[in-house]
Amino acid sequence: MTLPSGTSSSIRILLVDDHPLVRDGVRARLEAVPGFRVVAEAGSAAEALAMVEQHSPDIALMDVGLPGTNGVELARQCHERFPALRIVMLTMHDQPQVVVEAFRVGARGYVLKDSPAQEIVAAIETVMAGRRYYSAGVADALAHGATPDPLLTQREKEVLAFIAEGLSSKEIAQRLDLSVRTVETHRLNIKRKLELDGSAALARFAVERKRTGL
């Protein structure tokens, strides 16, 4: 489904979901955001590939549960054929293996459909800024280090555990008998490996990791 054109400065979005009502709801939310423009919709992988070819969107929001070719395989095909396209999975599937595979084949974001509307907006903005985004509900998969990023070292995991407890870098340094500078370096390395943007995102990840018991 092709939609009216808008300004060239907008973030051009493709919606991929086999339920028209879902697409209608997401489109309504996104088009209320200044600078967002849904340029096309698709209900299947084949249609999505055609829409990418025709409209060159900046980013695609795609469900995992598509008829025929599923969304993860579609993400792989899009990543190979259209490497400039940013991909965010928008789905109800929260199984760790699905999350891991989606990131492995090229997705840059993973948001659950029951997330608040502002989380979808945040995912688009974060991924368009070149970083990775995931809902809190899928943080367990990332905490396992099962994405293409290098695993966290044991020391980084220790630092992360203390961050989850709300400790400052100085307090963590005292607990681990390290310098504050060393702790800050560990914090930077964790954020770099997991592509977390800022201290708030790091704290959120640490708390979610602790909550899931990983």
N, C-alpha and C. Protein backbone atom coordinates (compact mmCIF):
# COMPACT_ATOMS: atom_id res chain seq x y z
N MET A 1 0.85 -1.21 0.00
CA MET A 1 0.00 0.00 0.00
C MET A 1 0.87 1.24 0.00
N THR A 2 0.73 2.12 -0.97
CA THR A 2 1.50 3.34 -1.09
C THR A 2 0.74 4.51 -0.49
N LEU A 3 1.44 5.36 0.22
CA LEU A 3 0.82 6.48 0.91
C LEU A 3 1.31 7.79 0.33
N PRO A 4 0.60 8.89 0.61
CA PRO A 4 0.98 10.18 0.04
C PRO A 4 2.38 10.59 0.46
N SER A 5 3.03 11.33 -0.39
CA SER A 5 4.38 11.80 -0.09
C SER A 5 4.33 13.04 0.79
N GLY A 6 5.48 13.33 1.42
CA GLY A 6 5.56 14.50 2.29
C GLY A 6 6.88 15.20 2.08
N THR A 7 7.42 15.76 3.13
CA THR A 7 8.66 16.50 2.99
C THR A 7 9.84 15.56 2.94
N SER A 8 10.88 15.96 2.23
CA SER A 8 12.05 15.11 2.05
C SER A 8 12.85 14.96 3.32
N SER A 9 12.66 15.86 4.30
CA SER A 9 13.44 15.79 5.53
C SER A 9 12.85 14.81 6.54
N SER A 10 11.69 14.27 6.26
CA SER A 10 11.05 13.35 7.18
C SER A 10 11.78 12.01 7.20
N ILE A 11 11.65 11.31 8.33
CA ILE A 11 12.09 9.92 8.40
C ILE A 11 11.04 9.09 7.69
N ARG A 12 11.45 8.40 6.65
CA ARG A 12 10.53 7.64 5.81
C ARG A 12 10.40 6.22 6.35
N ILE A 13 9.17 5.82 6.67
CA ILE A 13 8.93 4.57 7.40
C ILE A 13 8.10 3.60 6.56
N LEU A 14 8.49 2.33 6.59
CA LEU A 14 7.71 1.25 6.00
C LEU A 14 7.15 0.39 7.14
N LEU A 15 5.85 0.11 7.11
CA LEU A 15 5.21 -0.76 8.09
C LEU A 15 4.96 -2.13 7.45
N VAL A 16 5.39 -3.19 8.14
CA VAL A 16 5.19 -4.54 7.62
C VAL A 16 4.48 -5.38 8.69
N ASP A 17 3.21 -5.65 8.43
CA ASP A 17 2.40 -6.46 9.35
C ASP A 17 1.23 -7.00 8.55
N ASP A 18 0.87 -8.24 8.80
CA ASP A 18 -0.21 -8.83 7.99
C ASP A 18 -1.60 -8.49 8.50
N HIS A 19 -1.69 -7.68 9.56
CA HIS A 19 -2.98 -7.25 10.07
C HIS A 19 -3.19 -5.77 9.77
N PRO A 20 -4.10 -5.44 8.85
CA PRO A 20 -4.33 -4.03 8.49
C PRO A 20 -4.69 -3.15 9.67
N LEU A 21 -5.45 -3.69 10.64
CA LEU A 21 -5.83 -2.88 11.79
C LEU A 21 -4.61 -2.50 12.63
N VAL A 22 -3.66 -3.42 12.73
CA VAL A 22 -2.43 -3.12 13.45
C VAL A 22 -1.67 -2.02 12.73
N ARG A 23 -1.56 -2.15 11.42
CA ARG A 23 -0.86 -1.11 10.65
C ARG A 23 -1.55 0.24 10.80
N ASP A 24 -2.87 0.23 10.79
CA ASP A 24 -3.62 1.49 10.94
C ASP A 24 -3.29 2.16 12.27
N GLY A 25 -3.26 1.35 13.33
CA GLY A 25 -2.98 1.90 14.65
C GLY A 25 -1.57 2.45 14.76
N VAL A 26 -0.60 1.70 14.26
CA VAL A 26 0.79 2.15 14.33
C VAL A 26 0.98 3.40 13.47
N ARG A 27 0.40 3.39 12.26
CA ARG A 27 0.53 4.54 11.38
C ARG A 27 -0.04 5.80 12.04
N ALA A 28 -1.20 5.67 12.68
CA ALA A 28 -1.81 6.83 13.33
C ALA A 28 -0.90 7.39 14.42
N ARG A 29 -0.27 6.50 15.17
CA ARG A 29 0.64 6.94 16.22
C ARG A 29 1.86 7.65 15.64
N LEU A 30 2.43 7.05 14.61
CA LEU A 30 3.67 7.59 14.06
C LEU A 30 3.45 8.90 13.32
N GLU A 31 2.36 8.99 12.58
CA GLU A 31 2.14 10.21 11.81
C GLU A 31 1.75 11.40 12.68
N ALA A 32 1.50 11.15 13.96
CA ALA A 32 1.27 12.26 14.90
C ALA A 32 2.59 12.84 15.40
N VAL A 33 3.70 12.19 15.04
CA VAL A 33 5.02 12.64 15.48
C VAL A 33 5.65 13.50 14.38
N PRO A 34 6.02 14.74 14.69
CA PRO A 34 6.65 15.60 13.68
C PRO A 34 7.92 14.95 13.13
N GLY A 35 8.07 14.96 11.82
CA GLY A 35 9.26 14.41 11.21
C GLY A 35 9.17 12.94 10.85
N PHE A 36 8.06 12.29 11.21
CA PHE A 36 7.85 10.89 10.84
C PHE A 36 6.87 10.84 9.67
N ARG A 37 7.15 9.98 8.70
CA ARG A 37 6.24 9.82 7.58
C ARG A 37 6.19 8.36 7.14
N VAL A 38 5.03 7.76 7.23
CA VAL A 38 4.85 6.39 6.74
C VAL A 38 4.63 6.47 5.24
N VAL A 39 5.59 5.95 4.48
CA VAL A 39 5.53 6.07 3.03
C VAL A 39 4.92 4.84 2.35
N ALA A 40 4.89 3.71 3.07
CA ALA A 40 4.34 2.49 2.47
C ALA A 40 4.03 1.47 3.54
N GLU A 41 3.16 0.52 3.18
CA GLU A 41 2.79 -0.58 4.07
C GLU A 41 2.88 -1.88 3.29
N ALA A 42 3.07 -2.97 4.01
CA ALA A 42 3.11 -4.29 3.37
C ALA A 42 2.54 -5.32 4.33
N GLY A 43 1.90 -6.33 3.76
CA GLY A 43 1.32 -7.40 4.57
C GLY A 43 2.05 -8.71 4.45
N SER A 44 3.13 -8.74 3.66
CA SER A 44 3.91 -9.97 3.49
C SER A 44 5.35 -9.59 3.15
N ALA A 45 6.23 -10.59 3.20
CA ALA A 45 7.63 -10.35 2.90
C ALA A 45 7.82 -9.91 1.45
N ALA A 46 7.13 -10.59 0.54
CA ALA A 46 7.28 -10.25 -0.89
C ALA A 46 6.84 -8.81 -1.14
N GLU A 47 5.73 -8.43 -0.54
CA GLU A 47 5.24 -7.07 -0.73
C GLU A 47 6.20 -6.06 -0.09
N ALA A 48 6.77 -6.43 1.06
CA ALA A 48 7.70 -5.53 1.73
C ALA A 48 8.93 -5.28 0.89
N LEU A 49 9.49 -6.32 0.30
CA LEU A 49 10.67 -6.16 -0.56
C LEU A 49 10.36 -5.25 -1.75
N ALA A 50 9.18 -5.40 -2.30
CA ALA A 50 8.78 -4.55 -3.41
C ALA A 50 8.64 -3.10 -2.97
N MET A 51 8.10 -2.87 -1.77
CA MET A 51 7.93 -1.51 -1.26
C MET A 51 9.28 -0.85 -0.96
N VAL A 52 10.24 -1.64 -0.46
CA VAL A 52 11.58 -1.09 -0.22
C VAL A 52 12.21 -0.69 -1.55
N GLU A 53 12.08 -1.54 -2.53
CA GLU A 53 12.63 -1.26 -3.86
C GLU A 53 12.01 0.00 -4.46
N GLN A 54 10.71 0.16 -4.26
CA GLN A 54 9.99 1.26 -4.90
C GLN A 54 10.15 2.59 -4.16
N HIS A 55 10.15 2.54 -2.81
CA HIS A 55 10.07 3.78 -2.04
C HIS A 55 11.33 4.15 -1.26
N SER A 56 12.30 3.25 -1.18
CA SER A 56 13.55 3.51 -0.46
C SER A 56 13.32 4.13 0.91
N PRO A 57 12.56 3.47 1.79
CA PRO A 57 12.34 4.02 3.13
C PRO A 57 13.64 4.05 3.93
N ASP A 58 13.66 4.88 4.95
CA ASP A 58 14.83 4.95 5.83
C ASP A 58 14.82 3.81 6.83
N ILE A 59 13.63 3.41 7.25
CA ILE A 59 13.50 2.43 8.31
C ILE A 59 12.25 1.59 8.09
N ALA A 60 12.31 0.33 8.49
CA ALA A 60 11.16 -0.56 8.38
C ALA A 60 10.82 -1.12 9.75
N LEU A 61 9.54 -1.07 10.10
CA LEU A 61 9.04 -1.73 11.30
C LEU A 61 8.36 -3.00 10.83
N MET A 62 8.83 -4.15 11.28
CA MET A 62 8.27 -5.40 10.76
C MET A 62 7.97 -6.41 11.85
N ASP A 63 6.84 -7.10 11.66
CA ASP A 63 6.44 -8.16 12.57
C ASP A 63 7.24 -9.42 12.27
N VAL A 64 7.35 -10.29 13.27
CA VAL A 64 8.00 -11.59 13.06
C VAL A 64 7.02 -12.55 12.39
N GLY A 65 5.76 -12.55 12.86
CA GLY A 65 4.78 -13.53 12.40
C GLY A 65 4.10 -13.14 11.11
N LEU A 66 4.83 -13.18 10.00
CA LEU A 66 4.25 -12.90 8.69
C LEU A 66 3.89 -14.20 7.99
N PRO A 67 2.91 -14.19 7.10
CA PRO A 67 2.58 -15.40 6.36
C PRO A 67 3.69 -15.76 5.39
N GLY A 68 3.97 -17.06 5.26
CA GLY A 68 5.04 -17.48 4.36
C GLY A 68 6.39 -17.17 4.97
N THR A 69 7.15 -16.30 4.34
CA THR A 69 8.46 -15.89 4.85
C THR A 69 8.28 -15.05 6.10
N ASN A 70 8.88 -15.48 7.22
CA ASN A 70 8.68 -14.74 8.47
C ASN A 70 9.52 -13.48 8.52
N GLY A 71 9.26 -12.65 9.53
CA GLY A 71 9.90 -11.36 9.62
C GLY A 71 11.40 -11.41 9.83
N VAL A 72 11.89 -12.43 10.53
CA VAL A 72 13.33 -12.53 10.75
C VAL A 72 14.04 -12.82 9.43
N GLU A 73 13.49 -13.73 8.64
CA GLU A 73 14.07 -14.01 7.33
C GLU A 73 13.95 -12.79 6.42
N LEU A 74 12.85 -12.07 6.53
CA LEU A 74 12.70 -10.83 5.76
C LEU A 74 13.76 -9.82 6.16
N ALA A 75 14.03 -9.72 7.46
CA ALA A 75 15.07 -8.81 7.93
C ALA A 75 16.42 -9.18 7.32
N ARG A 76 16.71 -10.47 7.26
CA ARG A 76 17.97 -10.92 6.66
C ARG A 76 18.04 -10.51 5.19
N GLN A 77 16.96 -10.75 4.45
CA GLN A 77 16.95 -10.41 3.03
C GLN A 77 17.08 -8.90 2.82
N CYS A 78 16.38 -8.14 3.63
CA CYS A 78 16.47 -6.67 3.51
C CYS A 78 17.88 -6.19 3.82
N HIS A 79 18.48 -6.75 4.86
CA HIS A 79 19.82 -6.33 5.25
C HIS A 79 20.83 -6.63 4.15
N GLU A 80 20.66 -7.75 3.48
CA GLU A 80 21.58 -8.12 2.41
C GLU A 80 21.35 -7.29 1.15
N ARG A 81 20.07 -7.07 0.80
CA ARG A 81 19.75 -6.39 -0.44
C ARG A 81 19.75 -4.87 -0.32
N PHE A 82 19.38 -4.38 0.88
CA PHE A 82 19.27 -2.93 1.10
C PHE A 82 19.99 -2.56 2.40
N PRO A 83 21.32 -2.59 2.40
CA PRO A 83 22.08 -2.40 3.65
C PRO A 83 21.85 -1.06 4.33
N ALA A 84 21.39 -0.05 3.59
CA ALA A 84 21.14 1.26 4.21
C ALA A 84 19.84 1.29 5.01
N LEU A 85 18.97 0.31 4.78
CA LEU A 85 17.68 0.28 5.47
C LEU A 85 17.86 -0.11 6.92
N ARG A 86 17.33 0.69 7.83
CA ARG A 86 17.35 0.34 9.25
C ARG A 86 16.11 -0.51 9.56
N ILE A 87 16.28 -1.52 10.38
CA ILE A 87 15.20 -2.47 10.65
C ILE A 87 14.90 -2.55 12.14
N VAL A 88 13.63 -2.40 12.47
CA VAL A 88 13.15 -2.57 13.85
C VAL A 88 12.06 -3.63 13.84
N MET A 89 12.20 -4.65 14.64
CA MET A 89 11.16 -5.64 14.77
C MET A 89 10.11 -5.11 15.74
N LEU A 90 8.85 -5.16 15.33
CA LEU A 90 7.73 -4.73 16.17
C LEU A 90 6.77 -5.91 16.25
N THR A 91 6.80 -6.62 17.37
CA THR A 91 6.18 -7.94 17.42
C THR A 91 5.76 -8.32 18.83
N MET A 92 4.98 -9.38 18.95
CA MET A 92 4.63 -9.94 20.25
C MET A 92 5.58 -11.07 20.64
N HIS A 93 6.44 -11.48 19.73
CA HIS A 93 7.35 -12.59 20.00
C HIS A 93 8.52 -12.11 20.87
N ASP A 94 8.61 -12.63 22.09
CA ASP A 94 9.69 -12.21 22.99
C ASP A 94 10.63 -13.35 23.35
N GLN A 95 10.57 -14.46 22.61
CA GLN A 95 11.47 -15.57 22.90
C GLN A 95 12.91 -15.14 22.64
N PRO A 96 13.81 -15.41 23.61
CA PRO A 96 15.21 -14.97 23.46
C PRO A 96 15.85 -15.41 22.15
N GLN A 97 15.55 -16.65 21.70
CA GLN A 97 16.19 -17.11 20.47
C GLN A 97 15.75 -16.31 19.25
N VAL A 98 14.51 -15.83 19.28
CA VAL A 98 14.02 -15.02 18.17
C VAL A 98 14.68 -13.64 18.20
N VAL A 99 14.79 -13.08 19.40
CA VAL A 99 15.45 -11.77 19.54
C VAL A 99 16.89 -11.85 19.06
N VAL A 100 17.59 -12.86 19.50
CA VAL A 100 19.00 -13.03 19.14
C VAL A 100 19.16 -13.18 17.63
N GLU A 101 18.32 -14.00 17.03
CA GLU A 101 18.42 -14.23 15.59
C GLU A 101 18.11 -12.95 14.80
N ALA A 102 17.13 -12.19 15.28
CA ALA A 102 16.78 -10.94 14.59
C ALA A 102 17.96 -9.98 14.56
N PHE A 103 18.63 -9.83 15.69
CA PHE A 103 19.80 -8.95 15.72
C PHE A 103 20.93 -9.53 14.87
N ARG A 104 21.07 -10.84 14.88
CA ARG A 104 22.16 -11.47 14.13
C ARG A 104 22.03 -11.21 12.64
N VAL A 105 20.80 -11.19 12.13
CA VAL A 105 20.61 -11.04 10.68
C VAL A 105 20.50 -9.59 10.24
N GLY A 106 20.56 -8.65 11.17
CA GLY A 106 20.61 -7.25 10.74
C GLY A 106 19.64 -6.28 11.38
N ALA A 107 18.71 -6.76 12.21
CA ALA A 107 17.81 -5.83 12.90
C ALA A 107 18.62 -4.95 13.85
N ARG A 108 18.17 -3.72 14.02
CA ARG A 108 18.84 -2.80 14.93
C ARG A 108 17.98 -2.44 16.13
N GLY A 109 16.72 -2.86 16.09
CA GLY A 109 15.83 -2.59 17.21
C GLY A 109 14.82 -3.72 17.37
N TYR A 110 14.31 -3.86 18.58
CA TYR A 110 13.33 -4.92 18.85
C TYR A 110 12.37 -4.38 19.90
N VAL A 111 11.12 -4.18 19.50
CA VAL A 111 10.11 -3.59 20.38
C VAL A 111 8.89 -4.50 20.43
N LEU A 112 8.37 -4.73 21.62
CA LEU A 112 7.18 -5.55 21.76
C LEU A 112 5.94 -4.70 21.50
N LYS A 113 4.94 -5.31 20.89
CA LYS A 113 3.74 -4.57 20.50
C LYS A 113 2.97 -4.01 21.68
N ASP A 114 3.14 -4.60 22.86
CA ASP A 114 2.42 -4.07 24.01
C ASP A 114 3.20 -2.97 24.73
N SER A 115 4.29 -2.52 24.10
CA SER A 115 5.07 -1.41 24.66
C SER A 115 4.31 -0.10 24.49
N PRO A 116 4.57 0.90 25.34
CA PRO A 116 3.94 2.21 25.17
C PRO A 116 4.30 2.81 23.81
N ALA A 117 3.41 3.64 23.30
CA ALA A 117 3.64 4.24 21.98
C ALA A 117 4.95 5.01 21.93
N GLN A 118 5.30 5.67 23.02
CA GLN A 118 6.53 6.46 23.01
C GLN A 118 7.77 5.59 22.87
N GLU A 119 7.64 4.29 23.20
CA GLU A 119 8.80 3.40 23.04
C GLU A 119 9.06 3.10 21.57
N ILE A 120 8.00 3.02 20.78
CA ILE A 120 8.18 2.85 19.34
C ILE A 120 8.88 4.07 18.75
N VAL A 121 8.45 5.23 19.19
CA VAL A 121 9.09 6.47 18.73
C VAL A 121 10.56 6.50 19.14
N ALA A 122 10.84 6.14 20.39
CA ALA A 122 12.22 6.12 20.87
C ALA A 122 13.06 5.13 20.08
N ALA A 123 12.47 4.00 19.73
CA ALA A 123 13.21 2.99 18.97
C ALA A 123 13.60 3.54 17.61
N ILE A 124 12.66 4.19 16.93
CA ILE A 124 12.96 4.76 15.62
C ILE A 124 14.05 5.81 15.71
N GLU A 125 13.94 6.71 16.67
CA GLU A 125 14.92 7.78 16.81
C GLU A 125 16.30 7.22 17.16
N THR A 126 16.33 6.22 18.05
CA THR A 126 17.61 5.64 18.46
C THR A 126 18.28 4.90 17.32
N VAL A 127 17.52 4.09 16.60
CA VAL A 127 18.08 3.32 15.49
C VAL A 127 18.52 4.25 14.35
N MET A 128 17.74 5.29 14.09
CA MET A 128 18.13 6.24 13.05
C MET A 128 19.38 7.02 13.44
N ALA A 129 19.66 7.09 14.74
CA ALA A 129 20.88 7.76 15.20
C ALA A 129 22.08 6.82 15.18
N GLY A 130 21.86 5.58 14.71
CA GLY A 130 22.96 4.64 14.57
C GLY A 130 23.20 3.74 15.75
N ARG A 131 22.25 3.72 16.68
CA ARG A 131 22.41 2.87 17.86
C ARG A 131 21.38 1.76 17.86
N ARG A 132 21.52 0.84 18.78
CA ARG A 132 20.60 -0.30 18.90
C ARG A 132 19.56 0.00 19.97
N TYR A 133 18.36 -0.52 19.78
CA TYR A 133 17.28 -0.30 20.75
C TYR A 133 16.53 -1.60 20.97
N TYR A 134 16.12 -1.82 22.21
CA TYR A 134 15.32 -3.00 22.54
C TYR A 134 14.40 -2.67 23.69
N SER A 135 13.23 -3.28 23.70
CA SER A 135 12.31 -3.12 24.82
C SER A 135 12.90 -3.74 26.08
N ALA A 136 12.47 -3.24 27.23
CA ALA A 136 12.95 -3.81 28.48
C ALA A 136 12.68 -5.30 28.55
N GLY A 137 11.58 -5.74 27.95
CA GLY A 137 11.20 -7.14 28.00
C GLY A 137 12.12 -8.07 27.25
N VAL A 138 13.00 -7.53 26.41
CA VAL A 138 13.92 -8.40 25.67
C VAL A 138 15.36 -8.20 26.14
N ALA A 139 15.56 -7.49 27.23
CA ALA A 139 16.91 -7.24 27.73
C ALA A 139 17.61 -8.52 28.15
N ASP A 140 16.84 -9.55 28.50
CA ASP A 140 17.48 -10.79 28.94
C ASP A 140 18.34 -11.40 27.84
N ALA A 141 17.89 -11.33 26.59
CA ALA A 141 18.67 -11.89 25.49
C ALA A 141 19.98 -11.14 25.31
N LEU A 142 19.93 -9.81 25.43
CA LEU A 142 21.15 -9.03 25.31
C LEU A 142 22.07 -9.26 26.49
N ALA A 143 21.50 -9.47 27.66
CA ALA A 143 22.32 -9.68 28.85
C ALA A 143 23.14 -10.95 28.74
N HIS A 144 22.65 -11.91 27.96
CA HIS A 144 23.40 -13.13 27.74
C HIS A 144 24.58 -12.90 26.79
N GLY A 145 24.64 -11.72 26.21
CA GLY A 145 25.71 -11.45 25.26
C GLY A 145 25.56 -12.26 23.99
N ALA A 146 24.32 -12.62 23.65
CA ALA A 146 24.12 -13.53 22.52
C ALA A 146 23.95 -12.80 21.20
N THR A 147 24.11 -11.49 21.20
CA THR A 147 24.09 -10.74 19.95
C THR A 147 25.47 -10.80 19.31
N PRO A 148 25.65 -10.24 18.12
CA PRO A 148 26.97 -10.28 17.50
C PRO A 148 28.03 -9.51 18.27
N ASP A 149 27.66 -8.71 19.26
CA ASP A 149 28.64 -7.96 20.03
C ASP A 149 29.48 -8.89 20.90
N PRO A 150 30.71 -8.48 21.23
CA PRO A 150 31.55 -9.29 22.11
C PRO A 150 30.86 -9.49 23.46
N LEU A 151 31.16 -10.61 24.11
CA LEU A 151 30.60 -10.86 25.43
C LEU A 151 31.19 -9.90 26.44
N LEU A 152 30.43 -9.61 27.47
CA LEU A 152 30.96 -8.83 28.58
C LEU A 152 31.97 -9.70 29.33
N THR A 153 33.04 -9.06 29.79
CA THR A 153 34.00 -9.78 30.62
C THR A 153 33.41 -10.01 32.01
N GLN A 154 34.04 -10.87 32.78
CA GLN A 154 33.56 -11.13 34.13
C GLN A 154 33.57 -9.85 34.97
N ARG A 155 34.62 -9.06 34.83
CA ARG A 155 34.70 -7.81 35.58
C ARG A 155 33.60 -6.85 35.17
N GLU A 156 33.30 -6.78 33.87
CA GLU A 156 32.22 -5.91 33.41
C GLU A 156 30.88 -6.36 33.96
N LYS A 157 30.68 -7.67 34.06
CA LYS A 157 29.45 -8.19 34.65
C LYS A 157 29.35 -7.81 36.12
N GLU A 158 30.47 -7.83 36.82
CA GLU A 158 30.48 -7.43 38.23
C GLU A 158 30.12 -5.95 38.37
N VAL A 159 30.70 -5.13 37.51
CA VAL A 159 30.38 -3.70 37.53
C VAL A 159 28.91 -3.49 37.22
N LEU A 160 28.40 -4.23 36.25
CA LEU A 160 27.00 -4.11 35.86
C LEU A 160 26.08 -4.48 37.03
N ALA A 161 26.46 -5.49 37.78
CA ALA A 161 25.65 -5.91 38.94
C ALA A 161 25.58 -4.82 39.99
N PHE A 162 26.68 -4.14 40.20
CA PHE A 162 26.68 -3.05 41.18
C PHE A 162 25.92 -1.84 40.67
N ILE A 163 25.96 -1.59 39.36
CA ILE A 163 25.17 -0.51 38.78
C ILE A 163 23.69 -0.78 39.03
N ALA A 164 23.29 -2.04 38.91
CA ALA A 164 21.90 -2.41 39.15
C ALA A 164 21.46 -2.13 40.58
N GLU A 165 22.42 -2.14 41.50
CA GLU A 165 22.12 -1.84 42.90
C GLU A 165 22.12 -0.35 43.17
N GLY A 166 22.44 0.45 42.16
CA GLY A 166 22.41 1.89 42.31
C GLY A 166 23.70 2.50 42.84
N LEU A 167 24.79 1.74 42.82
CA LEU A 167 26.05 2.26 43.34
C LEU A 167 26.71 3.21 42.35
N SER A 168 27.40 4.19 42.87
CA SER A 168 28.16 5.13 42.04
C SER A 168 29.49 4.49 41.63
N SER A 169 30.19 5.12 40.71
CA SER A 169 31.48 4.60 40.28
C SER A 169 32.46 4.56 41.45
N LYS A 170 32.40 5.56 42.31
CA LYS A 170 33.29 5.58 43.48
C LYS A 170 32.98 4.42 44.41
N GLU A 171 31.70 4.15 44.64
CA GLU A 171 31.32 3.05 45.52
C GLU A 171 31.69 1.70 44.91
N ILE A 172 31.52 1.58 43.59
CA ILE A 172 31.90 0.33 42.92
C ILE A 172 33.41 0.13 43.01
N ALA A 173 34.15 1.19 42.83
CA ALA A 173 35.61 1.11 42.93
C ALA A 173 36.05 0.60 44.30
N GLN A 174 35.37 1.08 45.34
CA GLN A 174 35.70 0.63 46.70
C GLN A 174 35.36 -0.85 46.89
N ARG A 175 34.23 -1.28 46.35
CA ARG A 175 33.81 -2.68 46.49
C ARG A 175 34.77 -3.63 45.77
N LEU A 176 35.25 -3.21 44.62
CA LEU A 176 36.08 -4.09 43.79
C LEU A 176 37.58 -3.81 43.94
N ASP A 177 37.92 -2.87 44.79
CA ASP A 177 39.32 -2.49 45.01
C ASP A 177 39.96 -2.05 43.69
N LEU A 178 39.25 -1.17 43.00
CA LEU A 178 39.73 -0.62 41.73
C LEU A 178 39.78 0.90 41.83
N SER A 179 40.42 1.53 40.87
CA SER A 179 40.37 2.99 40.81
C SER A 179 39.05 3.42 40.18
N VAL A 180 38.63 4.64 40.47
CA VAL A 180 37.40 5.16 39.88
C VAL A 180 37.54 5.23 38.37
N ARG A 181 38.73 5.60 37.90
CA ARG A 181 38.96 5.67 36.45
C ARG A 181 38.75 4.30 35.79
N THR A 182 39.22 3.24 36.45
CA THR A 182 39.05 1.89 35.89
C THR A 182 37.58 1.52 35.82
N VAL A 183 36.82 1.87 36.85
CA VAL A 183 35.39 1.57 36.84
C VAL A 183 34.71 2.35 35.72
N GLU A 184 35.08 3.60 35.55
CA GLU A 184 34.50 4.41 34.48
C GLU A 184 34.82 3.80 33.11
N THR A 185 36.02 3.26 32.97
CA THR A 185 36.40 2.60 31.71
C THR A 185 35.53 1.38 31.47
N HIS A 186 35.28 0.61 32.52
CA HIS A 186 34.40 -0.56 32.39
C HIS A 186 32.99 -0.12 31.98
N ARG A 187 32.50 0.95 32.57
CA ARG A 187 31.17 1.45 32.22
C ARG A 187 31.11 1.84 30.75
N LEU A 188 32.14 2.52 30.28
CA LEU A 188 32.18 2.93 28.87
C LEU A 188 32.23 1.71 27.96
N ASN A 189 33.01 0.69 28.34
CA ASN A 189 33.11 -0.51 27.52
C ASN A 189 31.78 -1.26 27.45
N ILE A 190 31.06 -1.31 28.56
CA ILE A 190 29.75 -1.98 28.57
C ILE A 190 28.79 -1.24 27.63
N LYS A 191 28.76 0.07 27.73
CA LYS A 191 27.88 0.86 26.86
C LYS A 191 28.26 0.69 25.39
N ARG A 192 29.55 0.62 25.13
CA ARG A 192 29.99 0.46 23.74
C ARG A 192 29.60 -0.91 23.20
N LYS A 193 29.83 -1.96 23.97
CA LYS A 193 29.54 -3.31 23.51
C LYS A 193 28.04 -3.53 23.28
N LEU A 194 27.24 -2.95 24.16
CA LEU A 194 25.79 -3.15 24.06
C LEU A 194 25.09 -1.99 23.36
N GLU A 195 25.88 -1.01 22.90
CA GLU A 195 25.36 0.15 22.18
C GLU A 195 24.27 0.84 22.99
N LEU A 196 24.59 1.08 24.26
CA LEU A 196 23.67 1.78 25.15
C LEU A 196 24.02 3.25 25.15
N ASP A 197 23.01 4.09 25.05
CA ASP A 197 23.22 5.52 24.90
C ASP A 197 23.06 6.23 26.24
N GLY A 198 24.16 6.45 26.93
CA GLY A 198 24.13 7.22 28.16
C GLY A 198 23.96 6.39 29.42
N SER A 199 24.12 7.07 30.55
CA SER A 199 24.07 6.41 31.84
C SER A 199 22.69 5.89 32.19
N ALA A 200 21.64 6.60 31.76
CA ALA A 200 20.28 6.15 32.06
C ALA A 200 19.99 4.82 31.38
N ALA A 201 20.41 4.68 30.12
CA ALA A 201 20.19 3.43 29.39
C ALA A 201 21.00 2.30 30.03
N LEU A 202 22.20 2.61 30.49
CA LEU A 202 23.02 1.60 31.16
C LEU A 202 22.36 1.14 32.45
N ALA A 203 21.84 2.08 33.22
CA ALA A 203 21.17 1.73 34.47
C ALA A 203 19.93 0.88 34.21
N ARG A 204 19.18 1.25 33.17
CA ARG A 204 17.98 0.51 32.83
C ARG A 204 18.32 -0.93 32.46
N PHE A 205 19.37 -1.09 31.65
CA PHE A 205 19.80 -2.43 31.26
C PHE A 205 20.22 -3.24 32.48
N ALA A 206 21.00 -2.62 33.36
CA ALA A 206 21.51 -3.32 34.54
C ALA A 206 20.36 -3.79 35.44
N VAL A 207 19.38 -2.92 35.63
CA VAL A 207 18.23 -3.27 36.48
C VAL A 207 17.43 -4.40 35.86
N GLU A 208 17.21 -4.33 34.54
CA GLU A 208 16.44 -5.37 33.87
C GLU A 208 17.19 -6.69 33.90
N ARG A 209 18.48 -6.65 33.76
CA ARG A 209 19.30 -7.88 33.83
C ARG A 209 19.18 -8.51 35.20
N LYS A 210 19.21 -7.68 36.24
CA LYS A 210 19.07 -8.19 37.60
C LYS A 210 17.68 -8.77 37.81
N ARG A 211 16.65 -8.11 37.25
CA ARG A 211 15.27 -8.56 37.43
C ARG A 211 15.05 -9.93 36.82
N THR A 212 15.69 -10.17 35.68
CA THR A 212 15.51 -11.45 35.00
C THR A 212 16.39 -12.55 35.57
N GLY A 213 17.25 -12.17 36.51
CA GLY A 213 18.08 -13.17 37.18
C GLY A 213 19.26 -13.65 36.36
N LEU A 214 19.69 -12.85 35.38
CA LEU A 214 20.79 -13.27 34.51
C LEU A 214 22.10 -12.70 34.99
